[in-house]
Amino acid sequence: MWGLLVKLIVCPLVIILANVIFANVNYTVLYQPIIVGLILALFAHMMEVMFLKRGTLWLSTIFDFIAATLIVYLVSLLQEAKVTFLGAILTAIILMVTEIIQHLWLIRSGRTKKFPT
């Protein structure tokens, strides 16, 4: 639950930051990067629940990078924003750094343990 709350804040902020610093990421109105960030946060959380556990830090991070690149690129196309594939990759690199920090925190705090149903 904490992972989702953090992602709901961090992902939109990172997309807004990418919009400011990268020339090949261009959203025309503020709600566009927020929507992309929220969609990204939900997908990243689902992937975290499915894959993240002790010993899968880098695998989970690689999956997050690939998914973030595709989500940023494709969802931005649907919104008629101007995001190149390189822009999506650069944005995903920033997201990957935040994901590594979040994954380490979740693993070290024991919040990734899967309980039998």
PDB file of N, CA and C in Angstrom:
ATOM      1  N   MET A   1       0.815  -1.197   0.000  1.00  0.00           N
ATOM      2  CA  MET A   1       0.000   0.000   0.000  1.00  0.00           C
ATOM      3  C   MET A   1       0.861   1.265   0.000  1.00  0.00           C
ATOM      4  N   TRP A   2       1.926   1.262   0.812  1.00  0.00           N
ATOM      5  CA  TRP A   2       2.817   2.423   0.846  1.00  0.00           C
ATOM      6  C   TRP A   2       3.497   2.622  -0.500  1.00  0.00           C
ATOM      7  N   GLY A   3       3.852   1.517  -1.147  1.00  0.00           N
ATOM      8  CA  GLY A   3       4.481   1.613  -2.458  1.00  0.00           C
ATOM      9  C   GLY A   3       3.586   2.311  -3.464  1.00  0.00           C
ATOM     10  N   LEU A   4       2.292   1.994  -3.438  1.00  0.00           N
ATOM     11  CA  LEU A   4       1.339   2.634  -4.352  1.00  0.00           C
ATOM     12  C   LEU A   4       1.212   4.122  -4.052  1.00  0.00           C
ATOM     13  N   LEU A   5       1.109   4.467  -2.784  1.00  0.00           N
ATOM     14  CA  LEU A   5       0.976   5.880  -2.423  1.00  0.00           C
ATOM     15  C   LEU A   5       2.194   6.690  -2.866  1.00  0.00           C
ATOM     16  N   VAL A   6       3.372   6.125  -2.678  1.00  0.00           N
ATOM     17  CA  VAL A   6       4.589   6.812  -3.111  1.00  0.00           C
ATOM     18  C   VAL A   6       4.581   6.971  -4.628  1.00  0.00           C
ATOM     19  N   LYS A   7       4.215   5.919  -5.343  1.00  0.00           N
ATOM     20  CA  LYS A   7       4.202   5.957  -6.807  1.00  0.00           C
ATOM     21  C   LYS A   7       3.179   6.969  -7.339  1.00  0.00           C
ATOM     22  N   LEU A   8       2.030   7.084  -6.690  1.00  0.00           N
ATOM     23  CA  LEU A   8       1.003   8.029  -7.130  1.00  0.00           C
ATOM     24  C   LEU A   8       1.480   9.471  -7.024  1.00  0.00           C
ATOM     25  N   ILE A   9       2.459   9.720  -6.181  1.00  0.00           N
ATOM     26  CA  ILE A   9       3.026  11.060  -6.054  1.00  0.00           C
ATOM     27  C   ILE A   9       4.254  11.220  -6.951  1.00  0.00           C
ATOM     28  N   VAL A  10       5.154  10.237  -6.901  1.00  0.00           N
ATOM     29  CA  VAL A  10       6.445  10.346  -7.588  1.00  0.00           C
ATOM     30  C   VAL A  10       6.305  10.284  -9.108  1.00  0.00           C
ATOM     31  N   CYS A  11       5.530   9.353  -9.622  1.00  0.00           N
ATOM     32  CA  CYS A  11       5.447   9.181 -11.085  1.00  0.00           C
ATOM     33  C   CYS A  11       4.956  10.430 -11.810  1.00  0.00           C
ATOM     34  N   PRO A  12       3.845  11.040 -11.394  1.00  0.00           N
ATOM     35  CA  PRO A  12       3.443  12.274 -12.084  1.00  0.00           C
ATOM     36  C   PRO A  12       4.490  13.394 -11.964  1.00  0.00           C
ATOM     37  N   LEU A  13       5.140  13.494 -10.797  1.00  0.00           N
ATOM     38  CA  LEU A  13       6.164  14.525 -10.637  1.00  0.00           C
ATOM     39  C   LEU A  13       7.347  14.298 -11.569  1.00  0.00           C
ATOM     40  N   VAL A  14       7.739  13.042 -11.749  1.00  0.00           N
ATOM     41  CA  VAL A  14       8.850  12.735 -12.651  1.00  0.00           C
ATOM     42  C   VAL A  14       8.464  13.049 -14.096  1.00  0.00           C
ATOM     43  N   ILE A  15       7.242  12.753 -14.487  1.00  0.00           N
ATOM     44  CA  ILE A  15       6.800  13.048 -15.854  1.00  0.00           C
ATOM     45  C   ILE A  15       6.767  14.564 -16.071  1.00  0.00           C
ATOM     46  N   ILE A  16       6.309  15.309 -15.081  1.00  0.00           N
ATOM     47  CA  ILE A  16       6.318  16.773 -15.179  1.00  0.00           C
ATOM     48  C   ILE A  16       7.755  17.285 -15.275  1.00  0.00           C
ATOM     49  N   LEU A  17       8.656  16.724 -14.466  1.00  0.00           N
ATOM     50  CA  LEU A  17      10.072  17.100 -14.517  1.00  0.00           C
ATOM     51  C   LEU A  17      10.666  16.821 -15.898  1.00  0.00           C
ATOM     52  N   ALA A  18      10.367  15.663 -16.453  1.00  0.00           N
ATOM     53  CA  ALA A  18      10.860  15.312 -17.789  1.00  0.00           C
ATOM     54  C   ALA A  18      10.335  16.306 -18.824  1.00  0.00           C
ATOM     55  N   ASN A  19       9.105  16.722 -18.669  1.00  0.00           N
ATOM     56  CA  ASN A  19       8.520  17.712 -19.572  1.00  0.00           C
ATOM     57  C   ASN A  19       9.295  19.030 -19.514  1.00  0.00           C
ATOM     58  N   VAL A  20       9.798  19.370 -18.348  1.00  0.00           N
ATOM     59  CA  VAL A  20      10.527  20.621 -18.174  1.00  0.00           C
ATOM     60  C   VAL A  20      11.960  20.519 -18.702  1.00  0.00           C
ATOM     61  N   ILE A  21      12.632  19.384 -18.469  1.00  0.00           N
ATOM     62  CA  ILE A  21      14.061  19.330 -18.776  1.00  0.00           C
ATOM     63  C   ILE A  21      14.406  18.736 -20.139  1.00  0.00           C
ATOM     64  N   PHE A  22      13.532  17.948 -20.740  1.00  0.00           N
ATOM     65  CA  PHE A  22      13.848  17.317 -22.023  1.00  0.00           C
ATOM     66  C   PHE A  22      13.093  18.007 -23.156  1.00  0.00           C
ATOM     67  N   ALA A  23      13.817  18.343 -24.200  1.00  0.00           N
ATOM     68  CA  ALA A  23      13.202  19.011 -25.349  1.00  0.00           C
ATOM     69  C   ALA A  23      12.288  18.072 -26.133  1.00  0.00           C
ATOM     70  N   ASN A  24      12.548  16.762 -26.062  1.00  0.00           N
ATOM     71  CA  ASN A  24      11.739  15.815 -26.830  1.00  0.00           C
ATOM     72  C   ASN A  24      10.605  15.196 -26.010  1.00  0.00           C
ATOM     73  N   VAL A  25      10.265  15.837 -24.902  1.00  0.00           N
ATOM     74  CA  VAL A  25       9.074  15.490 -24.115  1.00  0.00           C
ATOM     75  C   VAL A  25       8.285  16.780 -23.980  1.00  0.00           C
ATOM     76  N   ASN A  26       7.142  16.833 -24.651  1.00  0.00           N
ATOM     77  CA  ASN A  26       6.384  18.078 -24.675  1.00  0.00           C
ATOM     78  C   ASN A  26       4.892  17.803 -24.482  1.00  0.00           C
ATOM     79  N   TYR A  27       4.419  18.141 -23.304  1.00  0.00           N
ATOM     80  CA  TYR A  27       2.989  18.079 -23.012  1.00  0.00           C
ATOM     81  C   TYR A  27       2.461  19.506 -23.058  1.00  0.00           C
ATOM     82  N   THR A  28       1.318  19.694 -23.682  1.00  0.00           N
ATOM     83  CA  THR A  28       0.816  21.054 -23.870  1.00  0.00           C
ATOM     84  C   THR A  28       0.055  21.571 -22.659  1.00  0.00           C
ATOM     85  N   VAL A  29      -0.572  20.699 -21.908  1.00  0.00           N
ATOM     86  CA  VAL A  29      -1.304  21.120 -20.705  1.00  0.00           C
ATOM     87  C   VAL A  29      -0.898  20.237 -19.532  1.00  0.00           C
ATOM     88  N   LEU A  30      -1.059  20.748 -18.318  1.00  0.00           N
ATOM     89  CA  LEU A  30      -0.558  20.085 -17.122  1.00  0.00           C
ATOM     90  C   LEU A  30      -1.227  18.738 -16.837  1.00  0.00           C
ATOM     91  N   TYR A  31      -2.488  18.587 -17.203  1.00  0.00           N
ATOM     92  CA  TYR A  31      -3.148  17.326 -16.885  1.00  0.00           C
ATOM     93  C   TYR A  31      -2.576  16.148 -17.673  1.00  0.00           C
ATOM     94  N   GLN A  32      -1.964  16.381 -18.829  1.00  0.00           N
ATOM     95  CA  GLN A  32      -1.430  15.276 -19.631  1.00  0.00           C
ATOM     96  C   GLN A  32      -0.316  14.505 -18.916  1.00  0.00           C
ATOM     97  N   PRO A  33       0.731  15.159 -18.393  1.00  0.00           N
ATOM     98  CA  PRO A  33       1.743  14.378 -17.687  1.00  0.00           C
ATOM     99  C   PRO A  33       1.216  13.770 -16.387  1.00  0.00           C
ATOM    100  N   ILE A  34       0.224  14.401 -15.794  1.00  0.00           N
ATOM    101  CA  ILE A  34      -0.360  13.835 -14.565  1.00  0.00           C
ATOM    102  C   ILE A  34      -1.085  12.539 -14.901  1.00  0.00           C
ATOM    103  N   ILE A  35      -1.848  12.516 -15.982  1.00  0.00           N
ATOM    104  CA  ILE A  35      -2.541  11.294 -16.401  1.00  0.00           C
ATOM    105  C   ILE A  35      -1.537  10.189 -16.717  1.00  0.00           C
ATOM    106  N   VAL A  36      -0.492  10.528 -17.484  1.00  0.00           N
ATOM    107  CA  VAL A  36       0.546   9.537 -17.815  1.00  0.00           C
ATOM    108  C   VAL A  36       1.180   9.011 -16.530  1.00  0.00           C
ATOM    109  N   GLY A  37       1.486   9.901 -15.603  1.00  0.00           N
ATOM    110  CA  GLY A  37       2.099   9.497 -14.336  1.00  0.00           C
ATOM    111  C   GLY A  37       1.209   8.598 -13.503  1.00  0.00           C
ATOM    112  N   LEU A  38      -0.085   8.879 -13.469  1.00  0.00           N
ATOM    113  CA  LEU A  38      -1.003   8.038 -12.690  1.00  0.00           C
ATOM    114  C   LEU A  38      -1.162   6.649 -13.319  1.00  0.00           C
ATOM    115  N   ILE A  39      -1.261   6.599 -14.626  1.00  0.00           N
ATOM    116  CA  ILE A  39      -1.336   5.301 -15.314  1.00  0.00           C
ATOM    117  C   ILE A  39      -0.058   4.510 -15.055  1.00  0.00           C
ATOM    118  N   LEU A  40       1.057   5.197 -15.164  1.00  0.00           N
ATOM    119  CA  LEU A  40       2.351   4.570 -14.917  1.00  0.00           C
ATOM    120  C   LEU A  40       2.449   4.064 -13.485  1.00  0.00           C
ATOM    121  N   ALA A  41       1.973   4.838 -12.534  1.00  0.00           N
ATOM    122  CA  ALA A  41       2.019   4.437 -11.124  1.00  0.00           C
ATOM    123  C   ALA A  41       1.210   3.156 -10.886  1.00  0.00           C
ATOM    124  N   LEU A  42       0.042   3.071 -11.495  1.00  0.00           N
ATOM    125  CA  LEU A  42      -0.795   1.877 -11.314  1.00  0.00           C
ATOM    126  C   LEU A  42      -0.139   0.636 -11.919  1.00  0.00           C
ATOM    127  N   PHE A  43       0.397   0.772 -13.129  1.00  0.00           N
ATOM    128  CA  PHE A  43       1.076  -0.369 -13.750  1.00  0.00           C
ATOM    129  C   PHE A  43       2.332  -0.760 -12.975  1.00  0.00           C
ATOM    130  N   ALA A  44       3.104   0.233 -12.532  1.00  0.00           N
ATOM    131  CA  ALA A  44       4.324  -0.054 -11.782  1.00  0.00           C
ATOM    132  C   ALA A  44       4.000  -0.758 -10.468  1.00  0.00           C
ATOM    133  N   HIS A  45       2.917  -0.351  -9.833  1.00  0.00           N
ATOM    134  CA  HIS A  45       2.531  -1.006  -8.579  1.00  0.00           C
ATOM    135  C   HIS A  45       2.098  -2.449  -8.829  1.00  0.00           C
ATOM    136  N   MET A  46       1.336  -2.678  -9.881  1.00  0.00           N
ATOM    137  CA  MET A  46       0.920  -4.053 -10.187  1.00  0.00           C
ATOM    138  C   MET A  46       2.126  -4.937 -10.477  1.00  0.00           C
ATOM    139  N   MET A  47       3.089  -4.401 -11.210  1.00  0.00           N
ATOM    140  CA  MET A  47       4.296  -5.178 -11.507  1.00  0.00           C
ATOM    141  C   MET A  47       5.104  -5.435 -10.230  1.00  0.00           C
ATOM    142  N   GLU A  48       5.129  -4.454  -9.352  1.00  0.00           N
ATOM    143  CA  GLU A  48       5.830  -4.596  -8.084  1.00  0.00           C
ATOM    144  C   GLU A  48       5.210  -5.719  -7.242  1.00  0.00           C
ATOM    145  N   VAL A  49       3.903  -5.733  -7.187  1.00  0.00           N
ATOM    146  CA  VAL A  49       3.209  -6.770  -6.419  1.00  0.00           C
ATOM    147  C   VAL A  49       3.495  -8.153  -7.003  1.00  0.00           C
ATOM    148  N   MET A  50       3.541  -8.244  -8.331  1.00  0.00           N
ATOM    149  CA  MET A  50       3.752  -9.541  -8.974  1.00  0.00           C
ATOM    150  C   MET A  50       5.204 -10.013  -8.890  1.00  0.00           C
ATOM    151  N   PHE A  51       6.161  -9.122  -9.078  1.00  0.00           N
ATOM    152  CA  PHE A  51       7.540  -9.554  -9.273  1.00  0.00           C
ATOM    153  C   PHE A  51       8.503  -9.229  -8.146  1.00  0.00           C
ATOM    154  N   LEU A  52       8.292  -8.140  -7.420  1.00  0.00           N
ATOM    155  CA  LEU A  52       9.313  -7.680  -6.487  1.00  0.00           C
ATOM    156  C   LEU A  52       9.345  -8.521  -5.216  1.00  0.00           C
ATOM    157  N   LYS A  53      10.509  -9.046  -4.934  1.00  0.00           N
ATOM    158  CA  LYS A  53      10.787  -9.735  -3.682  1.00  0.00           C
ATOM    159  C   LYS A  53      12.296  -9.754  -3.528  1.00  0.00           C
ATOM    160  N   ARG A  54      12.756 -10.214  -2.417  1.00  0.00           N
ATOM    161  CA  ARG A  54      14.194 -10.271  -2.179  1.00  0.00           C
ATOM    162  C   ARG A  54      14.845 -11.122  -3.273  1.00  0.00           C
ATOM    163  N   GLY A  55      15.858 -10.575  -3.920  1.00  0.00           N
ATOM    164  CA  GLY A  55      16.555 -11.291  -4.981  1.00  0.00           C
ATOM    165  C   GLY A  55      16.125 -10.931  -6.392  1.00  0.00           C
ATOM    166  N   THR A  56      15.093 -10.108  -6.528  1.00  0.00           N
ATOM    167  CA  THR A  56      14.621  -9.733  -7.867  1.00  0.00           C
ATOM    168  C   THR A  56      14.701  -8.231  -8.115  1.00  0.00           C
ATOM    169  N   LEU A  57      15.546  -7.539  -7.381  1.00  0.00           N
ATOM    170  CA  LEU A  57      15.643  -6.085  -7.502  1.00  0.00           C
ATOM    171  C   LEU A  57      15.933  -5.659  -8.941  1.00  0.00           C
ATOM    172  N   TRP A  58      16.964  -6.214  -9.544  1.00  0.00           N
ATOM    173  CA  TRP A  58      17.359  -5.761 -10.879  1.00  0.00           C
ATOM    174  C   TRP A  58      16.402  -6.241 -11.957  1.00  0.00           C
ATOM    175  N   LEU A  59      15.880  -7.431 -11.811  1.00  0.00           N
ATOM    176  CA  LEU A  59      14.892  -7.920 -12.774  1.00  0.00           C
ATOM    177  C   LEU A  59      13.644  -7.036 -12.742  1.00  0.00           C
ATOM    178  N   SER A  60      13.175  -6.718 -11.555  1.00  0.00           N
ATOM    179  CA  SER A  60      12.001  -5.851 -11.418  1.00  0.00           C
ATOM    180  C   SER A  60      12.278  -4.465 -11.982  1.00  0.00           C
ATOM    181  N   THR A  61      13.485  -3.965 -11.757  1.00  0.00           N
ATOM    182  CA  THR A  61      13.846  -2.644 -12.248  1.00  0.00           C
ATOM    183  C   THR A  61      13.909  -2.622 -13.774  1.00  0.00           C
ATOM    184  N   ILE A  62      14.440  -3.672 -14.370  1.00  0.00           N
ATOM    185  CA  ILE A  62      14.486  -3.757 -15.835  1.00  0.00           C
ATOM    186  C   ILE A  62      13.072  -3.825 -16.412  1.00  0.00           C
ATOM    187  N   PHE A  63      12.206  -4.628 -15.792  1.00  0.00           N
ATOM    188  CA  PHE A  63      10.808  -4.689 -16.245  1.00  0.00           C
ATOM    189  C   PHE A  63      10.153  -3.316 -16.139  1.00  0.00           C
ATOM    190  N   ASP A  64      10.418  -2.614 -15.029  1.00  0.00           N
ATOM    191  CA  ASP A  64       9.854  -1.273 -14.842  1.00  0.00           C
ATOM    192  C   ASP A  64      10.347  -0.308 -15.919  1.00  0.00           C
ATOM    193  N   PHE A  65      11.626  -0.394 -16.265  1.00  0.00           N
ATOM    194  CA  PHE A  65      12.183   0.485 -17.290  1.00  0.00           C
ATOM    195  C   PHE A  65      11.506   0.252 -18.638  1.00  0.00           C
ATOM    196  N   ILE A  66      11.385  -1.001 -19.033  1.00  0.00           N
ATOM    197  CA  ILE A  66      10.759  -1.326 -20.318  1.00  0.00           C
ATOM    198  C   ILE A  66       9.299  -0.890 -20.323  1.00  0.00           C
ATOM    199  N   ALA A  67       8.584  -1.205 -19.258  1.00  0.00           N
ATOM    200  CA  ALA A  67       7.169  -0.830 -19.182  1.00  0.00           C
ATOM    201  C   ALA A  67       7.007   0.687 -19.159  1.00  0.00           C
ATOM    202  N   ALA A  68       7.857   1.384 -18.420  1.00  0.00           N
ATOM    203  CA  ALA A  68       7.757   2.843 -18.335  1.00  0.00           C
ATOM    204  C   ALA A  68       8.006   3.479 -19.696  1.00  0.00           C
ATOM    205  N   THR A  69       8.998   2.977 -20.420  1.00  0.00           N
ATOM    206  CA  THR A  69       9.280   3.523 -21.749  1.00  0.00           C
ATOM    207  C   THR A  69       8.057   3.369 -22.649  1.00  0.00           C
ATOM    208  N   LEU A  70       7.491   2.171 -22.685  1.00  0.00           N
ATOM    209  CA  LEU A  70       6.339   1.919 -23.551  1.00  0.00           C
ATOM    210  C   LEU A  70       5.107   2.697 -23.115  1.00  0.00           C
ATOM    211  N   ILE A  71       4.862   2.750 -21.818  1.00  0.00           N
ATOM    212  CA  ILE A  71       3.676   3.453 -21.319  1.00  0.00           C
ATOM    213  C   ILE A  71       3.783   4.948 -21.588  1.00  0.00           C
ATOM    214  N   VAL A  72       4.929   5.548 -21.281  1.00  0.00           N
ATOM    215  CA  VAL A  72       5.099   6.978 -21.524  1.00  0.00           C
ATOM    216  C   VAL A  72       4.919   7.283 -23.008  1.00  0.00           C
ATOM    217  N   TYR A  73       5.512   6.480 -23.851  1.00  0.00           N
ATOM    218  CA  TYR A  73       5.428   6.725 -25.290  1.00  0.00           C
ATOM    219  C   TYR A  73       4.007   6.529 -25.819  1.00  0.00           C
ATOM    220  N   LEU A  74       3.394   5.398 -25.501  1.00  0.00           N
ATOM    221  CA  LEU A  74       2.080   5.076 -26.066  1.00  0.00           C
ATOM    222  C   LEU A  74       0.959   5.931 -25.490  1.00  0.00           C
ATOM    223  N   VAL A  75       0.952   6.141 -24.185  1.00  0.00           N
ATOM    224  CA  VAL A  75      -0.118   6.946 -23.589  1.00  0.00           C
ATOM    225  C   VAL A  75       0.001   8.396 -24.046  1.00  0.00           C
ATOM    226  N   SER A  76       1.240   8.859 -24.225  1.00  0.00           N
ATOM    227  CA  SER A  76       1.431  10.218 -24.725  1.00  0.00           C
ATOM    228  C   SER A  76       0.911  10.364 -26.145  1.00  0.00           C
ATOM    229  N   LEU A  77       1.071   9.333 -26.965  1.00  0.00           N
ATOM    230  CA  LEU A  77       0.521   9.373 -28.322  1.00  0.00           C
ATOM    231  C   LEU A  77      -1.000   9.488 -28.301  1.00  0.00           C
ATOM    232  N   LEU A  78      -1.622   8.787 -27.385  1.00  0.00           N
ATOM    233  CA  LEU A  78      -3.082   8.830 -27.278  1.00  0.00           C
ATOM    234  C   LEU A  78      -3.587  10.211 -26.869  1.00  0.00           C
ATOM    235  N   GLN A  79      -2.739  10.956 -26.160  1.00  0.00           N
ATOM    236  CA  GLN A  79      -3.140  12.290 -25.702  1.00  0.00           C
ATOM    237  C   GLN A  79      -2.716  13.386 -26.669  1.00  0.00           C
ATOM    238  N   GLU A  80      -2.144  13.003 -27.784  1.00  0.00           N
ATOM    239  CA  GLU A  80      -1.656  13.945 -28.772  1.00  0.00           C
ATOM    240  C   GLU A  80      -0.568  14.861 -28.221  1.00  0.00           C
ATOM    241  N   ALA A  81       0.207  14.343 -27.264  1.00  0.00           N
ATOM    242  CA  ALA A  81       1.380  15.065 -26.774  1.00  0.00           C
ATOM    243  C   ALA A  81       2.543  14.725 -27.692  1.00  0.00           C
ATOM    244  N   LYS A  82       3.587  15.516 -27.635  1.00  0.00           N
ATOM    245  CA  LYS A  82       4.754  15.270 -28.481  1.00  0.00           C
ATOM    246  C   LYS A  82       5.879  14.685 -27.632  1.00  0.00           C
ATOM    247  N   VAL A  83       5.952  13.365 -27.614  1.00  0.00           N
ATOM    248  CA  VAL A  83       7.000  12.659 -26.890  1.00  0.00           C
ATOM    249  C   VAL A  83       7.652  11.685 -27.868  1.00  0.00           C
ATOM    250  N   THR A  84       8.934  11.886 -28.124  1.00  0.00           N
ATOM    251  CA  THR A  84       9.644  10.968 -29.012  1.00  0.00           C
ATOM    252  C   THR A  84       9.998   9.707 -28.236  1.00  0.00           C
ATOM    253  N   PHE A  85      10.411   8.675 -28.974  1.00  0.00           N
ATOM    254  CA  PHE A  85      10.791   7.449 -28.293  1.00  0.00           C
ATOM    255  C   PHE A  85      12.021   7.690 -27.411  1.00  0.00           C
ATOM    256  N   LEU A  86      12.963   8.516 -27.872  1.00  0.00           N
ATOM    257  CA  LEU A  86      14.118   8.869 -27.044  1.00  0.00           C
ATOM    258  C   LEU A  86      13.673   9.618 -25.796  1.00  0.00           C
ATOM    259  N   GLY A  87      12.700  10.494 -25.940  1.00  0.00           N
ATOM    260  CA  GLY A  87      12.152  11.199 -24.781  1.00  0.00           C
ATOM    261  C   GLY A  87      11.544  10.237 -23.777  1.00  0.00           C
ATOM    262  N   ALA A  88      10.857   9.214 -24.277  1.00  0.00           N
ATOM    263  CA  ALA A  88      10.281   8.197 -23.396  1.00  0.00           C
ATOM    264  C   ALA A  88      11.380   7.410 -22.677  1.00  0.00           C
ATOM    265  N   ILE A  89      12.465   7.104 -23.393  1.00  0.00           N
ATOM    266  CA  ILE A  89      13.582   6.385 -22.777  1.00  0.00           C
ATOM    267  C   ILE A  89      14.238   7.240 -21.696  1.00  0.00           C
ATOM    268  N   LEU A  90      14.466   8.520 -21.986  1.00  0.00           N
ATOM    269  CA  LEU A  90      15.079   9.403 -20.994  1.00  0.00           C
ATOM    270  C   LEU A  90      14.191   9.562 -19.761  1.00  0.00           C
ATOM    271  N   THR A  91      12.898   9.669 -19.984  1.00  0.00           N
ATOM    272  CA  THR A  91      11.955   9.750 -18.864  1.00  0.00           C
ATOM    273  C   THR A  91      11.978   8.459 -18.052  1.00  0.00           C
ATOM    274  N   ALA A  92      12.034   7.326 -18.731  1.00  0.00           N
ATOM    275  CA  ALA A  92      12.076   6.030 -18.043  1.00  0.00           C
ATOM    276  C   ALA A  92      13.365   5.864 -17.236  1.00  0.00           C
ATOM    277  N   ILE A  93      14.460   6.459 -17.692  1.00  0.00           N
ATOM    278  CA  ILE A  93      15.708   6.383 -16.922  1.00  0.00           C
ATOM    279  C   ILE A  93      15.548   7.106 -15.588  1.00  0.00           C
ATOM    280  N   ILE A  94      14.930   8.291 -15.607  1.00  0.00           N
ATOM    281  CA  ILE A  94      14.687   9.002 -14.347  1.00  0.00           C
ATOM    282  C   ILE A  94      13.753   8.184 -13.458  1.00  0.00           C
ATOM    283  N   LEU A  95      12.707   7.637 -14.057  1.00  0.00           N
ATOM    284  CA  LEU A  95      11.776   6.797 -13.286  1.00  0.00           C
ATOM    285  C   LEU A  95      12.480   5.580 -12.716  1.00  0.00           C
ATOM    286  N   MET A  96      13.419   5.007 -13.476  1.00  0.00           N
ATOM    287  CA  MET A  96      14.142   3.829 -13.012  1.00  0.00           C
ATOM    288  C   MET A  96      14.954   4.153 -11.758  1.00  0.00           C
ATOM    289  N   VAL A  97      15.550   5.319 -11.711  1.00  0.00           N
ATOM    290  CA  VAL A  97      16.312   5.718 -10.520  1.00  0.00           C
ATOM    291  C   VAL A  97      15.387   5.792  -9.307  1.00  0.00           C
ATOM    292  N   THR A  98      14.207   6.382  -9.491  1.00  0.00           N
ATOM    293  CA  THR A  98      13.271   6.458  -8.367  1.00  0.00           C
ATOM    294  C   THR A  98      12.757   5.072  -7.983  1.00  0.00           C
ATOM    295  N   GLU A  99      12.586   4.205  -8.969  1.00  0.00           N
ATOM    296  CA  GLU A  99      12.123   2.841  -8.699  1.00  0.00           C
ATOM    297  C   GLU A  99      13.160   2.041  -7.914  1.00  0.00           C
ATOM    298  N   ILE A 100      14.435   2.204  -8.248  1.00  0.00           N
ATOM    299  CA  ILE A 100      15.488   1.498  -7.500  1.00  0.00           C
ATOM    300  C   ILE A 100      15.425   1.892  -6.032  1.00  0.00           C
ATOM    301  N   ILE A 101      15.294   3.181  -5.772  1.00  0.00           N
ATOM    302  CA  ILE A 101      15.211   3.655  -4.386  1.00  0.00           C
ATOM    303  C   ILE A 101      13.983   3.072  -3.695  1.00  0.00           C
ATOM    304  N   GLN A 102      12.844   3.093  -4.382  1.00  0.00           N
ATOM    305  CA  GLN A 102      11.613   2.553  -3.796  1.00  0.00           C
ATOM    306  C   GLN A 102      11.709   1.050  -3.584  1.00  0.00           C
ATOM    307  N   HIS A 103      12.269   0.336  -4.552  1.00  0.00           N
ATOM    308  CA  HIS A 103      12.402  -1.117  -4.421  1.00  0.00           C
ATOM    309  C   HIS A 103      13.307  -1.483  -3.256  1.00  0.00           C
ATOM    310  N   LEU A 104      14.428  -0.783  -3.127  1.00  0.00           N
ATOM    311  CA  LEU A 104      15.326  -1.057  -1.995  1.00  0.00           C
ATOM    312  C   LEU A 104      14.614  -0.818  -0.675  1.00  0.00           C
ATOM    313  N   TRP A 105      13.862   0.266  -0.598  1.00  0.00           N
ATOM    314  CA  TRP A 105      13.126   0.580   0.629  1.00  0.00           C
ATOM    315  C   TRP A 105      12.090  -0.505   0.932  1.00  0.00           C
ATOM    316  N   LEU A 106      11.345  -0.934  -0.077  1.00  0.00           N
ATOM    317  CA  LEU A 106      10.315  -1.952   0.134  1.00  0.00           C
ATOM    318  C   LEU A 106      10.930  -3.304   0.524  1.00  0.00           C
ATOM    319  N   ILE A 107      12.028  -3.666  -0.123  1.00  0.00           N
ATOM    320  CA  ILE A 107      12.676  -4.949   0.197  1.00  0.00           C
ATOM    321  C   ILE A 107      13.250  -4.920   1.607  1.00  0.00           C
ATOM    322  N   ARG A 108      13.966  -3.859   1.941  1.00  0.00           N
ATOM    323  CA  ARG A 108      14.607  -3.767   3.260  1.00  0.00           C
ATOM    324  C   ARG A 108      13.603  -3.666   4.394  1.00  0.00           C
ATOM    325  N   SER A 109      12.443  -3.067   4.133  1.00  0.00           N
ATOM    326  CA  SER A 109      11.438  -2.927   5.180  1.00  0.00           C
ATOM    327  C   SER A 109      10.541  -4.160   5.290  1.00  0.00           C
ATOM    328  N   GLY A 110      10.715  -5.131   4.395  1.00  0.00           N
ATOM    329  CA  GLY A 110       9.913  -6.345   4.452  1.00  0.00           C
ATOM    330  C   GLY A 110       8.518  -6.191   3.883  1.00  0.00           C
ATOM    331  N   ARG A 111       8.269  -5.130   3.147  1.00  0.00           N
ATOM    332  CA  ARG A 111       6.938  -4.895   2.594  1.00  0.00           C
ATOM    333  C   ARG A 111       6.658  -5.646   1.305  1.00  0.00           C
ATOM    334  N   THR A 112       7.603  -6.480   0.871  1.00  0.00           N
ATOM    335  CA  THR A 112       7.398  -7.246  -0.363  1.00  0.00           C
ATOM    336  C   THR A 112       7.069  -8.693  -0.095  1.00  0.00           C
ATOM    337  N   LYS A 113       6.984  -9.086   1.146  1.00  0.00           N
ATOM    338  CA  LYS A 113       6.717 -10.486   1.467  1.00  0.00           C
ATOM    339  C   LYS A 113       5.326 -10.865   1.003  1.00  0.00           C
ATOM    340  N   LYS A 114       5.261 -11.979   0.322  1.00  0.00           N
ATOM    341  CA  LYS A 114       3.986 -12.504  -0.168  1.00  0.00           C
ATOM    342  C   LYS A 114       3.468 -13.516   0.851  1.00  0.00           C
ATOM    343  N   PHE A 115       2.238 -13.334   1.254  1.00  0.00           N
ATOM    344  CA  PHE A 115       1.655 -14.228   2.242  1.00  0.00           C
ATOM    345  C   PHE A 115       0.818 -15.299   1.544  1.00  0.00           C
ATOM    346  N   PRO A 116       0.845 -16.538   2.035  1.00  0.00           N
ATOM    347  CA  PRO A 116       0.016 -17.578   1.417  1.00  0.00           C
ATOM    348  C   PRO A 116      -1.465 -17.257   1.560  1.00  0.00           C
ATOM    349  N   THR A 117      -2.219 -17.590   0.528  1.00  0.00           N
ATOM    350  CA  THR A 117      -3.654 -17.306   0.568  1.00  0.00           C
ATOM    351  C   THR A 117      -4.437 -18.492   1.030  1.00  0.00           C
TER     352      THR A 117
END
